[in-house]
Amino acid sequence: NLLDGYVLTVTAREAVRRLIDALREAEGMSRAWTFTGPYGSGKSAFALFAARLLGDRSDASTQQVWNLLQSSDGKLWERFMGNGSSLVAERGFCPVLISGSREPITLALLRGLASGFSVFYDGARKSPEIFGEIRNQLQQISASSIRRIQDGVHPSANEVTTLFEGATRQIVMDGGGGLLLV
């Protein structure tokens, strides 16, 4: 497990507080953050921690992270859990995890979205046919866009945004919290 031995530092706890505040406040709260720091300071590990923290409640890795939060900072855990149920939708957020690479950002975003959507729907508890159809539609759109990019035709920012918005709506309709883009 990539998070074995993870230590929830003071800086990480502050970031979790900001995540909790953003989840509690429906409007007016920033839901975009930038984490900067030197190489090896834990930015990627925290991103993975956050993705698991906001993941599907029934997933073992989500439970592991919840246990870590509870044992590291009981008060922060209580804020996260609210009145006995977490601030995260039953199915959690769909993780869209990308990393820097020598490719157009649109390609990285589309690959990340297709991968995250696949992970999110492979864990679905409802009819696999329904989720398979949704996943296939997104993957076909993404694959088409990826092929166009590889051929030198880049989708506009508007096209990528529209695809992300559609994926977010579908995820929320299916019991998720939305997209978590890292």
Protein backbone atom coordinates (compact mmCIF):
# COMPACT_ATOMS: atom_id res chain seq x y z
CA ASN A 1 0.00 0.00 0.00
CA LEU A 2 1.42 3.36 -1.03
CA LEU A 3 0.23 5.01 2.18
CA ASP A 4 1.77 2.55 4.64
CA GLY A 5 3.82 4.61 7.06
CA TYR A 6 2.26 7.92 5.95
CA VAL A 7 2.52 10.58 8.65
CA LEU A 8 -0.15 13.26 8.79
CA THR A 9 2.03 16.33 9.35
CA VAL A 10 0.85 19.69 10.66
CA THR A 11 0.85 21.02 7.09
CA ALA A 12 -1.19 18.04 5.88
CA ARG A 13 -3.66 18.52 8.73
CA GLU A 14 -4.14 22.15 7.76
CA ALA A 15 -4.81 21.09 4.17
CA VAL A 16 -7.37 18.54 5.43
CA ARG A 17 -9.04 21.32 7.45
CA ARG A 18 -9.35 23.37 4.27
CA LEU A 19 -10.83 20.37 2.42
CA ILE A 20 -13.37 19.87 5.21
CA ASP A 21 -14.30 23.55 5.24
CA ALA A 22 -14.81 23.49 1.47
CA LEU A 23 -17.03 20.40 1.74
CA ARG A 24 -19.10 21.97 4.52
CA GLU A 25 -19.66 25.23 2.67
CA ALA A 26 -21.68 24.68 -0.49
CA GLU A 27 -20.88 28.10 -1.89
CA GLY A 28 -18.30 30.80 -1.47
CA MET A 29 -15.44 28.50 -0.50
CA SER A 30 -12.50 27.82 -2.76
CA ARG A 31 -12.34 24.25 -3.93
CA ALA A 32 -9.01 24.65 -5.70
CA TRP A 33 -5.65 24.67 -3.98
CA THR A 34 -2.02 24.75 -4.92
CA PHE A 35 0.54 22.79 -2.94
CA THR A 36 4.12 23.84 -3.42
CA GLY A 37 7.29 22.68 -1.80
CA PRO A 38 10.67 21.16 -2.48
CA TYR A 39 11.19 17.75 -4.01
CA GLY A 40 10.45 15.03 -1.48
CA SER A 41 8.35 17.17 0.85
CA GLY A 42 5.24 14.97 0.56
CA LYS A 43 3.05 16.77 -1.98
CA SER A 44 2.26 13.63 -3.99
CA ALA A 45 1.78 11.51 -0.87
CA PHE A 46 -0.71 14.06 0.46
CA ALA A 47 -2.54 14.11 -2.89
CA LEU A 48 -2.90 10.33 -2.67
CA PHE A 49 -4.02 10.63 0.96
CA ALA A 50 -6.67 13.22 -0.03
CA ALA A 51 -7.90 11.08 -2.94
CA ARG A 52 -8.34 8.14 -0.55
CA LEU A 53 -9.87 10.31 2.19
CA LEU A 54 -12.55 11.46 -0.25
CA GLY A 55 -12.99 8.06 -1.89
CA ASP A 56 -15.67 5.38 -1.82
CA ARG A 57 -16.67 4.74 1.80
CA SER A 58 -16.62 0.96 1.36
CA ASP A 59 -13.12 0.84 -0.15
CA ALA A 60 -10.45 -0.67 2.12
CA SER A 61 -7.93 2.08 1.29
CA THR A 62 -10.48 4.75 2.21
CA GLN A 63 -11.07 3.00 5.53
CA GLN A 64 -7.30 2.85 6.11
CA VAL A 65 -6.97 6.61 5.57
CA TRP A 66 -9.98 7.30 7.77
CA ASN A 67 -8.37 5.26 10.55
CA LEU A 68 -5.13 7.18 10.10
CA LEU A 69 -6.95 10.52 10.36
CA GLN A 70 -8.86 9.37 13.43
CA SER A 71 -5.73 8.15 15.23
CA SER A 72 -3.63 11.18 14.19
CA ASP A 73 -6.11 13.95 15.02
CA GLY A 74 -9.35 13.04 16.78
CA LYS A 75 -10.77 16.57 16.59
CA LEU A 76 -10.11 16.80 12.86
CA TRP A 77 -11.68 13.36 12.45
CA GLU A 78 -14.81 14.59 14.27
CA ARG A 79 -15.02 17.62 11.97
CA PHE A 80 -14.70 15.33 8.97
CA MET A 81 -17.38 12.94 10.21
CA GLY A 82 -19.80 15.69 11.22
CA ASN A 83 -22.84 14.14 12.90
CA GLY A 84 -21.78 10.53 12.47
CA SER A 85 -21.63 10.44 8.68
CA SER A 86 -18.74 11.73 6.64
CA LEU A 87 -18.94 14.80 4.44
CA VAL A 88 -18.26 12.57 1.45
CA ALA A 89 -21.00 11.05 -0.71
CA GLU A 90 -21.49 7.29 -0.37
CA ARG A 91 -19.42 6.53 -3.47
CA GLY A 92 -16.92 9.32 -2.81
CA PHE A 93 -15.25 11.46 -5.42
CA CYS A 94 -13.99 10.10 -8.71
CA PRO A 95 -10.20 10.54 -8.63
CA VAL A 96 -8.60 12.06 -11.72
CA LEU A 97 -4.91 11.70 -11.00
CA ILE A 98 -2.41 13.08 -13.49
CA SER A 99 1.26 13.87 -13.25
CA GLY A 100 3.60 16.05 -15.21
CA SER A 101 4.81 14.54 -18.45
CA ARG A 102 6.01 15.57 -21.89
CA GLU A 103 2.60 15.62 -23.50
CA PRO A 104 -0.10 18.23 -24.01
CA ILE A 105 -2.06 18.94 -20.83
CA THR A 106 -5.30 18.11 -22.66
CA LEU A 107 -4.03 14.59 -23.33
CA ALA A 108 -2.99 14.12 -19.70
CA LEU A 109 -6.38 15.39 -18.51
CA LEU A 110 -8.30 13.10 -20.84
CA ARG A 111 -6.22 10.07 -19.90
CA GLY A 112 -6.66 10.86 -16.22
CA LEU A 113 -10.40 11.29 -16.63
CA ALA A 114 -10.78 8.00 -18.51
CA SER A 115 -8.69 6.18 -15.89
CA GLY A 116 -10.51 7.77 -12.94
CA PHE A 117 -13.91 7.06 -14.47
CA SER A 118 -12.93 3.44 -14.98
CA VAL A 119 -11.76 3.09 -11.36
CA PHE A 120 -14.91 4.80 -10.06
CA TYR A 121 -17.31 2.64 -12.03
CA ASP A 122 -15.44 -0.64 -11.66
CA GLY A 123 -16.27 -0.42 -7.95
CA ALA A 124 -19.95 0.25 -8.62
CA ARG A 125 -22.50 -1.66 -6.61
CA LYS A 126 -25.36 -1.11 -9.07
CA SER A 127 -25.97 -2.90 -12.32
CA PRO A 128 -22.60 -3.29 -14.06
CA GLU A 129 -24.33 -2.94 -17.43
CA ILE A 130 -25.44 0.61 -16.62
CA PHE A 131 -22.01 1.67 -15.42
CA GLY A 132 -20.32 -0.19 -18.24
CA GLU A 133 -22.34 1.78 -20.77
CA ILE A 134 -21.50 5.09 -19.10
CA ARG A 135 -17.83 4.18 -18.80
CA ASN A 136 -17.72 3.03 -22.42
CA GLN A 137 -19.28 6.29 -23.62
CA LEU A 138 -16.69 8.34 -21.77
CA GLN A 139 -13.82 6.12 -22.86
CA GLN A 140 -14.95 6.35 -26.50
CA ILE A 141 -15.08 10.14 -26.28
CA SER A 142 -11.70 10.23 -24.52
CA ALA A 143 -10.14 7.73 -26.93
CA SER A 144 -11.36 9.77 -29.89
CA SER A 145 -9.93 12.95 -28.36
CA ILE A 146 -6.64 11.21 -27.53
CA ARG A 147 -6.33 9.93 -31.12
CA ARG A 148 -7.00 13.45 -32.43
CA ILE A 149 -4.30 14.85 -30.13
CA GLN A 150 -1.82 12.20 -31.25
CA ASP A 151 -2.61 13.21 -34.84
CA GLY A 152 -1.79 16.81 -33.93
CA VAL A 153 -5.38 18.01 -33.55
CA HIS A 154 -5.89 19.33 -30.04
CA PRO A 155 -9.34 19.75 -28.50
CA SER A 156 -10.16 23.19 -27.26
CA ALA A 157 -10.23 23.99 -23.56
CA ASN A 158 -14.00 24.30 -23.97
CA GLU A 159 -14.26 20.73 -25.31
CA VAL A 160 -12.23 19.33 -22.41
CA THR A 161 -14.22 21.39 -19.90
CA THR A 162 -17.49 20.17 -21.39
CA LEU A 163 -16.33 16.57 -21.08
CA PHE A 164 -15.33 17.10 -17.43
CA GLU A 165 -18.65 18.77 -16.67
CA GLY A 166 -20.58 15.89 -18.23
CA ALA A 167 -18.54 13.34 -16.29
CA THR A 168 -19.14 15.27 -13.06
CA ARG A 169 -22.90 15.37 -13.62
CA GLN A 170 -22.96 11.62 -14.31
CA ILE A 171 -20.92 10.82 -11.21
CA VAL A 172 -23.17 12.93 -8.99
CA MET A 173 -26.28 11.29 -10.50
CA ASP A 174 -24.76 7.92 -9.65
CA GLY A 175 -24.17 8.73 -5.98
CA GLY A 176 -20.68 10.21 -6.14
CA GLY A 177 -19.42 13.52 -4.88
CA GLY A 178 -17.99 14.72 -8.19
CA LEU A 179 -14.48 14.80 -9.60
CA LEU A 180 -11.30 15.20 -7.59
CA LEU A 181 -8.67 16.44 -10.03
CA VAL A 182 -5.10 16.04 -8.78
